[in-house]
Amino acid sequence: MISLLYVSRAAFAPGSADGIIAGILRSARARNAAMEVTGALLYLGGFFAQVLEGEARDVNQLMIDILRDERHSDVRIIEVGPIDARRFSNW
């Protein structure tokens, strides 16, 4: 199991953030649960920070999809590595 932390710049106007983030959360909750990926998402001041936890293949696939997602720009992986236990198992 791995944990991956990334940051990105939101590629949408701040005034539309609430609706867009609600859509991200709706789709991410369903998909992440199906893939048994947990984590936490933070949006602040036009930037995202997210931790993803799960099997490497699943986290890597999600990261590929995030890199392709037009709602993000300047995506940067900050840290990735093995973990013994989830920190966000209930999130």
PDB file of N, CA and C in Angstrom:
ATOM      1  N   MET A   1       0.849  -1.169   0.000  1.00  0.00           N
ATOM      2  CA  MET A   1       0.000   0.000   0.000  1.00  0.00           C
ATOM      3  C   MET A   1       0.900   1.239   0.000  1.00  0.00           C
ATOM      4  N   ILE A   2       0.437   2.288  -0.702  1.00  0.00           N
ATOM      5  CA  ILE A   2       1.207   3.528  -0.781  1.00  0.00           C
ATOM      6  C   ILE A   2       0.341   4.726  -0.416  1.00  0.00           C
ATOM      7  N   SER A   3       1.038   5.809  -0.145  1.00  0.00           N
ATOM      8  CA  SER A   3       0.410   7.114   0.050  1.00  0.00           C
ATOM      9  C   SER A   3       1.052   8.063  -0.936  1.00  0.00           C
ATOM     10  N   LEU A   4       0.237   8.909  -1.553  1.00  0.00           N
ATOM     11  CA  LEU A   4       0.731   9.881  -2.526  1.00  0.00           C
ATOM     12  C   LEU A   4       0.118  11.236  -2.175  1.00  0.00           C
ATOM     13  N   LEU A   5       0.966  12.257  -2.107  1.00  0.00           N
ATOM     14  CA  LEU A   5       0.532  13.627  -1.865  1.00  0.00           C
ATOM     15  C   LEU A   5       0.851  14.452  -3.095  1.00  0.00           C
ATOM     16  N   TYR A   6      -0.148  15.166  -3.613  1.00  0.00           N
ATOM     17  CA  TYR A   6       0.102  16.070  -4.728  1.00  0.00           C
ATOM     18  C   TYR A   6      -0.547  17.412  -4.449  1.00  0.00           C
ATOM     19  N   VAL A   7      -0.073  18.411  -5.156  1.00  0.00           N
ATOM     20  CA  VAL A   7      -0.695  19.736  -5.152  1.00  0.00           C
ATOM     21  C   VAL A   7      -0.929  20.128  -6.605  1.00  0.00           C
ATOM     22  N   SER A   8      -1.936  20.991  -6.815  1.00  0.00           N
ATOM     23  CA  SER A   8      -2.206  21.479  -8.162  1.00  0.00           C
ATOM     24  C   SER A   8      -2.896  22.832  -8.061  1.00  0.00           C
ATOM     25  N   ARG A   9      -2.894  23.513  -9.181  1.00  0.00           N
ATOM     26  CA  ARG A   9      -3.605  24.781  -9.304  1.00  0.00           C
ATOM     27  C   ARG A   9      -4.959  24.487  -9.938  1.00  0.00           C
ATOM     28  N   ALA A  10      -5.995  25.086  -9.392  1.00  0.00           N
ATOM     29  CA  ALA A  10      -7.320  24.918  -9.974  1.00  0.00           C
ATOM     30  C   ALA A  10      -7.367  25.630 -11.320  1.00  0.00           C
ATOM     31  N   ALA A  11      -7.929  24.968 -12.313  1.00  0.00           N
ATOM     32  CA  ALA A  11      -8.000  25.527 -13.669  1.00  0.00           C
ATOM     33  C   ALA A  11      -9.408  26.035 -13.958  1.00  0.00           C
ATOM     34  N   PHE A  12     -10.022  26.666 -12.955  1.00  0.00           N
ATOM     35  CA  PHE A  12     -11.354  27.239 -13.114  1.00  0.00           C
ATOM     36  C   PHE A  12     -11.429  28.513 -12.276  1.00  0.00           C
ATOM     37  N   ALA A  13     -12.399  29.335 -12.591  1.00  0.00           N
ATOM     38  CA  ALA A  13     -12.564  30.609 -11.890  1.00  0.00           C
ATOM     39  C   ALA A  13     -13.015  30.364 -10.457  1.00  0.00           C
ATOM     40  N   PRO A  14     -12.472  31.131  -9.508  1.00  0.00           N
ATOM     41  CA  PRO A  14     -12.846  30.949  -8.097  1.00  0.00           C
ATOM     42  C   PRO A  14     -14.357  31.012  -7.864  1.00  0.00           C
ATOM     43  N   GLY A  15     -15.071  31.805  -8.624  1.00  0.00           N
ATOM     44  CA  GLY A  15     -16.509  31.931  -8.451  1.00  0.00           C
ATOM     45  C   GLY A  15     -17.280  30.666  -8.773  1.00  0.00           C
ATOM     46  N   SER A  16     -16.688  29.765  -9.517  1.00  0.00           N
ATOM     47  CA  SER A  16     -17.361  28.516  -9.874  1.00  0.00           C
ATOM     48  C   SER A  16     -16.873  27.334  -9.040  1.00  0.00           C
ATOM     49  N   ALA A  17     -16.048  27.601  -8.047  1.00  0.00           N
ATOM     50  CA  ALA A  17     -15.407  26.534  -7.275  1.00  0.00           C
ATOM     51  C   ALA A  17     -16.404  25.625  -6.563  1.00  0.00           C
ATOM     52  N   ASP A  18     -17.425  26.185  -5.921  1.00  0.00           N
ATOM     53  CA  ASP A  18     -18.340  25.354  -5.134  1.00  0.00           C
ATOM     54  C   ASP A  18     -18.982  24.248  -5.971  1.00  0.00           C
ATOM     55  N   GLY A  19     -19.514  24.604  -7.119  1.00  0.00           N
ATOM     56  CA  GLY A  19     -20.163  23.614  -7.969  1.00  0.00           C
ATOM     57  C   GLY A  19     -19.189  22.597  -8.530  1.00  0.00           C
ATOM     58  N   ILE A  20     -18.035  23.053  -8.939  1.00  0.00           N
ATOM     59  CA  ILE A  20     -17.040  22.142  -9.512  1.00  0.00           C
ATOM     60  C   ILE A  20     -16.513  21.184  -8.457  1.00  0.00           C
ATOM     61  N   ILE A  21     -16.213  21.693  -7.281  1.00  0.00           N
ATOM     62  CA  ILE A  21     -15.695  20.830  -6.212  1.00  0.00           C
ATOM     63  C   ILE A  21     -16.758  19.831  -5.763  1.00  0.00           C
ATOM     64  N   ALA A  22     -18.009  20.244  -5.720  1.00  0.00           N
ATOM     65  CA  ALA A  22     -19.081  19.306  -5.384  1.00  0.00           C
ATOM     66  C   ALA A  22     -19.118  18.159  -6.394  1.00  0.00           C
ATOM     67  N   GLY A  23     -18.930  18.469  -7.670  1.00  0.00           N
ATOM     68  CA  GLY A  23     -18.891  17.434  -8.700  1.00  0.00           C
ATOM     69  C   GLY A  23     -17.692  16.516  -8.549  1.00  0.00           C
ATOM     70  N   ILE A  24     -16.544  17.089  -8.237  1.00  0.00           N
ATOM     71  CA  ILE A  24     -15.335  16.288  -8.007  1.00  0.00           C
ATOM     72  C   ILE A  24     -15.576  15.322  -6.851  1.00  0.00           C
ATOM     73  N   LEU A  25     -16.113  15.822  -5.766  1.00  0.00           N
ATOM     74  CA  LEU A  25     -16.342  14.977  -4.590  1.00  0.00           C
ATOM     75  C   LEU A  25     -17.341  13.866  -4.870  1.00  0.00           C
ATOM     76  N   ARG A  26     -18.404  14.179  -5.589  1.00  0.00           N
ATOM     77  CA  ARG A  26     -19.413  13.168  -5.920  1.00  0.00           C
ATOM     78  C   ARG A  26     -18.794  12.001  -6.694  1.00  0.00           C
ATOM     79  N   SER A  27     -18.082  12.335  -7.744  1.00  0.00           N
ATOM     80  CA  SER A  27     -17.509  11.259  -8.563  1.00  0.00           C
ATOM     81  C   SER A  27     -16.351  10.562  -7.858  1.00  0.00           C
ATOM     82  N   ALA A  28     -15.535  11.323  -7.119  1.00  0.00           N
ATOM     83  CA  ALA A  28     -14.374  10.729  -6.446  1.00  0.00           C
ATOM     84  C   ALA A  28     -14.800   9.771  -5.341  1.00  0.00           C
ATOM     85  N   ARG A  29     -15.826  10.117  -4.597  1.00  0.00           N
ATOM     86  CA  ARG A  29     -16.266   9.232  -3.507  1.00  0.00           C
ATOM     87  C   ARG A  29     -16.684   7.873  -4.044  1.00  0.00           C
ATOM     88  N   ALA A  30     -17.442   7.854  -5.103  1.00  0.00           N
ATOM     89  CA  ALA A  30     -17.898   6.580  -5.673  1.00  0.00           C
ATOM     90  C   ALA A  30     -16.729   5.789  -6.254  1.00  0.00           C
ATOM     91  N   ARG A  31     -15.908   6.453  -7.049  1.00  0.00           N
ATOM     92  CA  ARG A  31     -14.801   5.756  -7.704  1.00  0.00           C
ATOM     93  C   ARG A  31     -13.764   5.283  -6.686  1.00  0.00           C
ATOM     94  N   ASN A  32     -13.404   6.154  -5.755  1.00  0.00           N
ATOM     95  CA  ASN A  32     -12.387   5.791  -4.767  1.00  0.00           C
ATOM     96  C   ASN A  32     -12.857   4.635  -3.893  1.00  0.00           C
ATOM     97  N   ALA A  33     -14.126   4.624  -3.516  1.00  0.00           N
ATOM     98  CA  ALA A  33     -14.652   3.522  -2.711  1.00  0.00           C
ATOM     99  C   ALA A  33     -14.569   2.206  -3.481  1.00  0.00           C
ATOM    100  N   ALA A  34     -14.906   2.244  -4.755  1.00  0.00           N
ATOM    101  CA  ALA A  34     -14.838   1.030  -5.577  1.00  0.00           C
ATOM    102  C   ALA A  34     -13.407   0.520  -5.706  1.00  0.00           C
ATOM    103  N   MET A  35     -12.445   1.437  -5.689  1.00  0.00           N
ATOM    104  CA  MET A  35     -11.037   1.066  -5.818  1.00  0.00           C
ATOM    105  C   MET A  35     -10.356   0.871  -4.459  1.00  0.00           C
ATOM    106  N   GLU A  36     -11.114   1.068  -3.383  1.00  0.00           N
ATOM    107  CA  GLU A  36     -10.573   0.989  -2.021  1.00  0.00           C
ATOM    108  C   GLU A  36      -9.431   1.970  -1.801  1.00  0.00           C
ATOM    109  N   VAL A  37      -9.584   3.167  -2.350  1.00  0.00           N
ATOM    110  CA  VAL A  37      -8.627   4.253  -2.144  1.00  0.00           C
ATOM    111  C   VAL A  37      -9.238   5.236  -1.160  1.00  0.00           C
ATOM    112  N   THR A  38      -8.470   5.617  -0.168  1.00  0.00           N
ATOM    113  CA  THR A  38      -8.908   6.615   0.802  1.00  0.00           C
ATOM    114  C   THR A  38      -8.000   7.829   0.680  1.00  0.00           C
ATOM    115  N   GLY A  39      -8.340   8.885   1.410  1.00  0.00           N
ATOM    116  CA  GLY A  39      -7.497  10.067   1.370  1.00  0.00           C
ATOM    117  C   GLY A  39      -8.235  11.295   1.840  1.00  0.00           C
ATOM    118  N   ALA A  40      -7.651  12.429   1.538  1.00  0.00           N
ATOM    119  CA  ALA A  40      -8.234  13.715   1.928  1.00  0.00           C
ATOM    120  C   ALA A  40      -7.931  14.729   0.839  1.00  0.00           C
ATOM    121  N   LEU A  41      -8.918  15.592   0.573  1.00  0.00           N
ATOM    122  CA  LEU A  41      -8.781  16.638  -0.443  1.00  0.00           C
ATOM    123  C   LEU A  41      -8.964  17.992   0.225  1.00  0.00           C
ATOM    124  N   LEU A  42      -8.063  18.907  -0.072  1.00  0.00           N
ATOM    125  CA  LEU A  42      -8.141  20.275   0.439  1.00  0.00           C
ATOM    126  C   LEU A  42      -8.136  21.222  -0.751  1.00  0.00           C
ATOM    127  N   TYR A  43      -9.049  22.186  -0.740  1.00  0.00           N
ATOM    128  CA  TYR A  43      -9.069  23.251  -1.746  1.00  0.00           C
ATOM    129  C   TYR A  43      -9.007  24.565  -0.997  1.00  0.00           C
ATOM    130  N   LEU A  44      -8.051  25.409  -1.357  1.00  0.00           N
ATOM    131  CA  LEU A  44      -7.901  26.691  -0.685  1.00  0.00           C
ATOM    132  C   LEU A  44      -7.222  27.672  -1.626  1.00  0.00           C
ATOM    133  N   GLY A  45      -7.848  28.809  -1.818  1.00  0.00           N
ATOM    134  CA  GLY A  45      -7.228  29.895  -2.577  1.00  0.00           C
ATOM    135  C   GLY A  45      -6.833  29.536  -3.992  1.00  0.00           C
ATOM    136  N   GLY A  46      -7.626  28.684  -4.633  1.00  0.00           N
ATOM    137  CA  GLY A  46      -7.323  28.328  -6.014  1.00  0.00           C
ATOM    138  C   GLY A  46      -6.351  27.169  -6.166  1.00  0.00           C
ATOM    139  N   PHE A  47      -6.039  26.486  -5.077  1.00  0.00           N
ATOM    140  CA  PHE A  47      -5.110  25.360  -5.116  1.00  0.00           C
ATOM    141  C   PHE A  47      -5.734  24.135  -4.451  1.00  0.00           C
ATOM    142  N   PHE A  48      -5.336  22.960  -4.947  1.00  0.00           N
ATOM    143  CA  PHE A  48      -5.710  21.691  -4.349  1.00  0.00           C
ATOM    144  C   PHE A  48      -4.485  21.075  -3.690  1.00  0.00           C
ATOM    145  N   ALA A  49      -4.720  20.331  -2.626  1.00  0.00           N
ATOM    146  CA  ALA A  49      -3.742  19.403  -2.056  1.00  0.00           C
ATOM    147  C   ALA A  49      -4.528  18.145  -1.749  1.00  0.00           C
ATOM    148  N   GLN A  50      -3.981  17.003  -2.120  1.00  0.00           N
ATOM    149  CA  GLN A  50      -4.693  15.758  -1.875  1.00  0.00           C
ATOM    150  C   GLN A  50      -3.730  14.654  -1.511  1.00  0.00           C
ATOM    151  N   VAL A  51      -4.149  13.845  -0.547  1.00  0.00           N
ATOM    152  CA  VAL A  51      -3.459  12.610  -0.191  1.00  0.00           C
ATOM    153  C   VAL A  51      -4.332  11.467  -0.676  1.00  0.00           C
ATOM    154  N   LEU A  52      -3.726  10.525  -1.366  1.00  0.00           N
ATOM    155  CA  LEU A  52      -4.393   9.303  -1.816  1.00  0.00           C
ATOM    156  C   LEU A  52      -3.693   8.117  -1.174  1.00  0.00           C
ATOM    157  N   GLU A  53      -4.457   7.144  -0.676  1.00  0.00           N
ATOM    158  CA  GLU A  53      -3.894   5.956  -0.043  1.00  0.00           C
ATOM    159  C   GLU A  53      -4.560   4.718  -0.631  1.00  0.00           C
ATOM    160  N   GLY A  54      -3.761   3.724  -0.932  1.00  0.00           N
ATOM    161  CA  GLY A  54      -4.313   2.479  -1.445  1.00  0.00           C
ATOM    162  C   GLY A  54      -3.244   1.653  -2.113  1.00  0.00           C
ATOM    163  N   GLU A  55      -3.693   0.635  -2.838  1.00  0.00           N
ATOM    164  CA  GLU A  55      -2.750  -0.187  -3.585  1.00  0.00           C
ATOM    165  C   GLU A  55      -2.095   0.663  -4.667  1.00  0.00           C
ATOM    166  N   ALA A  56      -0.837   0.416  -4.921  1.00  0.00           N
ATOM    167  CA  ALA A  56      -0.056   1.245  -5.847  1.00  0.00           C
ATOM    168  C   ALA A  56      -0.722   1.355  -7.212  1.00  0.00           C
ATOM    169  N   ARG A  57      -1.219   0.250  -7.754  1.00  0.00           N
ATOM    170  CA  ARG A  57      -1.824   0.303  -9.096  1.00  0.00           C
ATOM    171  C   ARG A  57      -3.040   1.223  -9.116  1.00  0.00           C
ATOM    172  N   ASP A  58      -3.834   1.215  -8.040  1.00  0.00           N
ATOM    173  CA  ASP A  58      -5.035   2.040  -7.981  1.00  0.00           C
ATOM    174  C   ASP A  58      -4.690   3.517  -7.794  1.00  0.00           C
ATOM    175  N   VAL A  59      -3.779   3.800  -6.893  1.00  0.00           N
ATOM    176  CA  VAL A  59      -3.361   5.188  -6.665  1.00  0.00           C
ATOM    177  C   VAL A  59      -2.699   5.741  -7.921  1.00  0.00           C
ATOM    178  N   ASN A  60      -1.867   4.947  -8.567  1.00  0.00           N
ATOM    179  CA  ASN A  60      -1.214   5.401  -9.795  1.00  0.00           C
ATOM    180  C   ASN A  60      -2.228   5.672 -10.904  1.00  0.00           C
ATOM    181  N   GLN A  61      -3.243   4.833 -11.031  1.00  0.00           N
ATOM    182  CA  GLN A  61      -4.281   5.061 -12.046  1.00  0.00           C
ATOM    183  C   GLN A  61      -5.043   6.349 -11.760  1.00  0.00           C
ATOM    184  N   LEU A  62      -5.384   6.580 -10.494  1.00  0.00           N
ATOM    185  CA  LEU A  62      -6.060   7.830 -10.143  1.00  0.00           C
ATOM    186  C   LEU A  62      -5.183   9.035 -10.456  1.00  0.00           C
ATOM    187  N   MET A  63      -3.894   8.910 -10.192  1.00  0.00           N
ATOM    188  CA  MET A  63      -2.993  10.030 -10.459  1.00  0.00           C
ATOM    189  C   MET A  63      -2.893  10.305 -11.957  1.00  0.00           C
ATOM    190  N   ILE A  64      -2.890   9.279 -12.771  1.00  0.00           N
ATOM    191  CA  ILE A  64      -2.891   9.468 -14.228  1.00  0.00           C
ATOM    192  C   ILE A  64      -4.152  10.217 -14.647  1.00  0.00           C
ATOM    193  N   ASP A  65      -5.276   9.824 -14.079  1.00  0.00           N
ATOM    194  CA  ASP A  65      -6.536  10.497 -14.403  1.00  0.00           C
ATOM    195  C   ASP A  65      -6.538  11.956 -13.936  1.00  0.00           C
ATOM    196  N   ILE A  66      -5.970  12.218 -12.775  1.00  0.00           N
ATOM    197  CA  ILE A  66      -5.886  13.591 -12.269  1.00  0.00           C
ATOM    198  C   ILE A  66      -4.993  14.432 -13.179  1.00  0.00           C
ATOM    199  N   LEU A  67      -3.900  13.860 -13.641  1.00  0.00           N
ATOM    200  CA  LEU A  67      -3.008  14.590 -14.553  1.00  0.00           C
ATOM    201  C   LEU A  67      -3.713  14.962 -15.854  1.00  0.00           C
ATOM    202  N   ARG A  68      -4.681  14.159 -16.267  1.00  0.00           N
ATOM    203  CA  ARG A  68      -5.443  14.420 -17.499  1.00  0.00           C
ATOM    204  C   ARG A  68      -6.654  15.328 -17.268  1.00  0.00           C
ATOM    205  N   ASP A  69      -7.021  15.528 -16.020  1.00  0.00           N
ATOM    206  CA  ASP A  69      -8.238  16.265 -15.666  1.00  0.00           C
ATOM    207  C   ASP A  69      -8.042  17.760 -15.926  1.00  0.00           C
ATOM    208  N   GLU A  70      -8.893  18.326 -16.745  1.00  0.00           N
ATOM    209  CA  GLU A  70      -8.765  19.728 -17.137  1.00  0.00           C
ATOM    210  C   GLU A  70      -9.101  20.703 -16.014  1.00  0.00           C
ATOM    211  N   ARG A  71      -9.582  20.212 -14.891  1.00  0.00           N
ATOM    212  CA  ARG A  71      -9.871  21.084 -13.743  1.00  0.00           C
ATOM    213  C   ARG A  71      -8.625  21.363 -12.919  1.00  0.00           C
ATOM    214  N   HIS A  72      -7.511  20.692 -13.262  1.00  0.00           N
ATOM    215  CA  HIS A  72      -6.237  20.874 -12.577  1.00  0.00           C
ATOM    216  C   HIS A  72      -5.193  21.385 -13.567  1.00  0.00           C
ATOM    217  N   SER A  73      -4.264  22.176 -13.063  1.00  0.00           N
ATOM    218  CA  SER A  73      -3.069  22.517 -13.836  1.00  0.00           C
ATOM    219  C   SER A  73      -1.889  22.525 -12.872  1.00  0.00           C
ATOM    220  N   ASP A  74      -0.702  22.527 -13.422  1.00  0.00           N
ATOM    221  CA  ASP A  74       0.522  22.558 -12.595  1.00  0.00           C
ATOM    222  C   ASP A  74       0.503  21.490 -11.500  1.00  0.00           C
ATOM    223  N   VAL A  75       0.134  20.277 -11.854  1.00  0.00           N
ATOM    224  CA  VAL A  75       0.084  19.180 -10.890  1.00  0.00           C
ATOM    225  C   VAL A  75       1.512  18.779 -10.530  1.00  0.00           C
ATOM    226  N   ARG A  76       1.757  18.700  -9.227  1.00  0.00           N
ATOM    227  CA  ARG A  76       3.096  18.325  -8.741  1.00  0.00           C
ATOM    228  C   ARG A  76       2.971  17.282  -7.650  1.00  0.00           C
ATOM    229  N   ILE A  77       3.632  16.162  -7.850  1.00  0.00           N
ATOM    230  CA  ILE A  77       3.671  15.129  -6.821  1.00  0.00           C
ATOM    231  C   ILE A  77       4.721  15.537  -5.808  1.00  0.00           C
ATOM    232  N   ILE A  78       4.300  15.646  -4.556  1.00  0.00           N
ATOM    233  CA  ILE A  78       5.185  16.098  -3.477  1.00  0.00           C
ATOM    234  C   ILE A  78       5.857  14.923  -2.794  1.00  0.00           C
ATOM    235  N   GLU A  79       5.075  13.872  -2.551  1.00  0.00           N
ATOM    236  CA  GLU A  79       5.619  12.724  -1.827  1.00  0.00           C
ATOM    237  C   GLU A  79       4.845  11.473  -2.216  1.00  0.00           C
ATOM    238  N   VAL A  80       5.547  10.385  -2.360  1.00  0.00           N
ATOM    239  CA  VAL A  80       4.922   9.092  -2.597  1.00  0.00           C
ATOM    240  C   VAL A  80       5.789   8.027  -1.943  1.00  0.00           C
ATOM    241  N   GLY A  81       5.148   7.071  -1.289  1.00  0.00           N
ATOM    242  CA  GLY A  81       5.919   6.022  -0.654  1.00  0.00           C
ATOM    243  C   GLY A  81       5.031   5.003   0.026  1.00  0.00           C
ATOM    244  N   PRO A  82       5.648   3.922   0.470  1.00  0.00           N
ATOM    245  CA  PRO A  82       4.890   2.856   1.108  1.00  0.00           C
ATOM    246  C   PRO A  82       4.383   3.283   2.490  1.00  0.00           C
ATOM    247  N   ILE A  83       3.228   2.726   2.857  1.00  0.00           N
ATOM    248  CA  ILE A  83       2.686   2.947   4.200  1.00  0.00           C
ATOM    249  C   ILE A  83       2.241   1.603   4.776  1.00  0.00           C
ATOM    250  N   ASP A  84       2.283   1.511   6.092  1.00  0.00           N
ATOM    251  CA  ASP A  84       1.838   0.298   6.776  1.00  0.00           C
ATOM    252  C   ASP A  84       0.351   0.349   7.091  1.00  0.00           C
ATOM    253  N   ALA A  85      -0.162   1.562   7.296  1.00  0.00           N
ATOM    254  CA  ALA A  85      -1.566   1.720   7.668  1.00  0.00           C
ATOM    255  C   ALA A  85      -2.100   3.016   7.075  1.00  0.00           C
ATOM    256  N   ARG A  86      -3.384   3.058   6.822  1.00  0.00           N
ATOM    257  CA  ARG A  86      -4.038   4.251   6.293  1.00  0.00           C
ATOM    258  C   ARG A  86      -4.166   5.305   7.392  1.00  0.00           C
ATOM    259  N   ARG A  87      -4.004   6.547   6.988  1.00  0.00           N
ATOM    260  CA  ARG A  87      -4.226   7.668   7.906  1.00  0.00           C
ATOM    261  C   ARG A  87      -5.636   8.243   7.738  1.00  0.00           C
ATOM    262  N   PHE A  88      -6.273   7.966   6.610  1.00  0.00           N
ATOM    263  CA  PHE A  88      -7.579   8.517   6.308  1.00  0.00           C
ATOM    264  C   PHE A  88      -8.583   7.412   5.999  1.00  0.00           C
ATOM    265  N   SER A  89      -8.577   6.380   6.790  1.00  0.00           N
ATOM    266  CA  SER A  89      -9.420   5.217   6.485  1.00  0.00           C
ATOM    267  C   SER A  89     -10.917   5.524   6.552  1.00  0.00           C
ATOM    268  N   ASN A  90     -11.317   6.533   7.267  1.00  0.00           N
ATOM    269  CA  ASN A  90     -12.735   6.881   7.379  1.00  0.00           C
ATOM    270  C   ASN A  90     -13.121   8.067   6.529  1.00  0.00           C
ATOM    271  N   TRP A  91     -12.260   8.525   5.635  1.00  0.00           N
ATOM    272  CA  TRP A  91     -12.521   9.717   4.830  1.00  0.00           C
ATOM    273  C   TRP A  91     -12.936   9.315   3.441  1.00  0.00           C
TER     274      TRP A  91
END
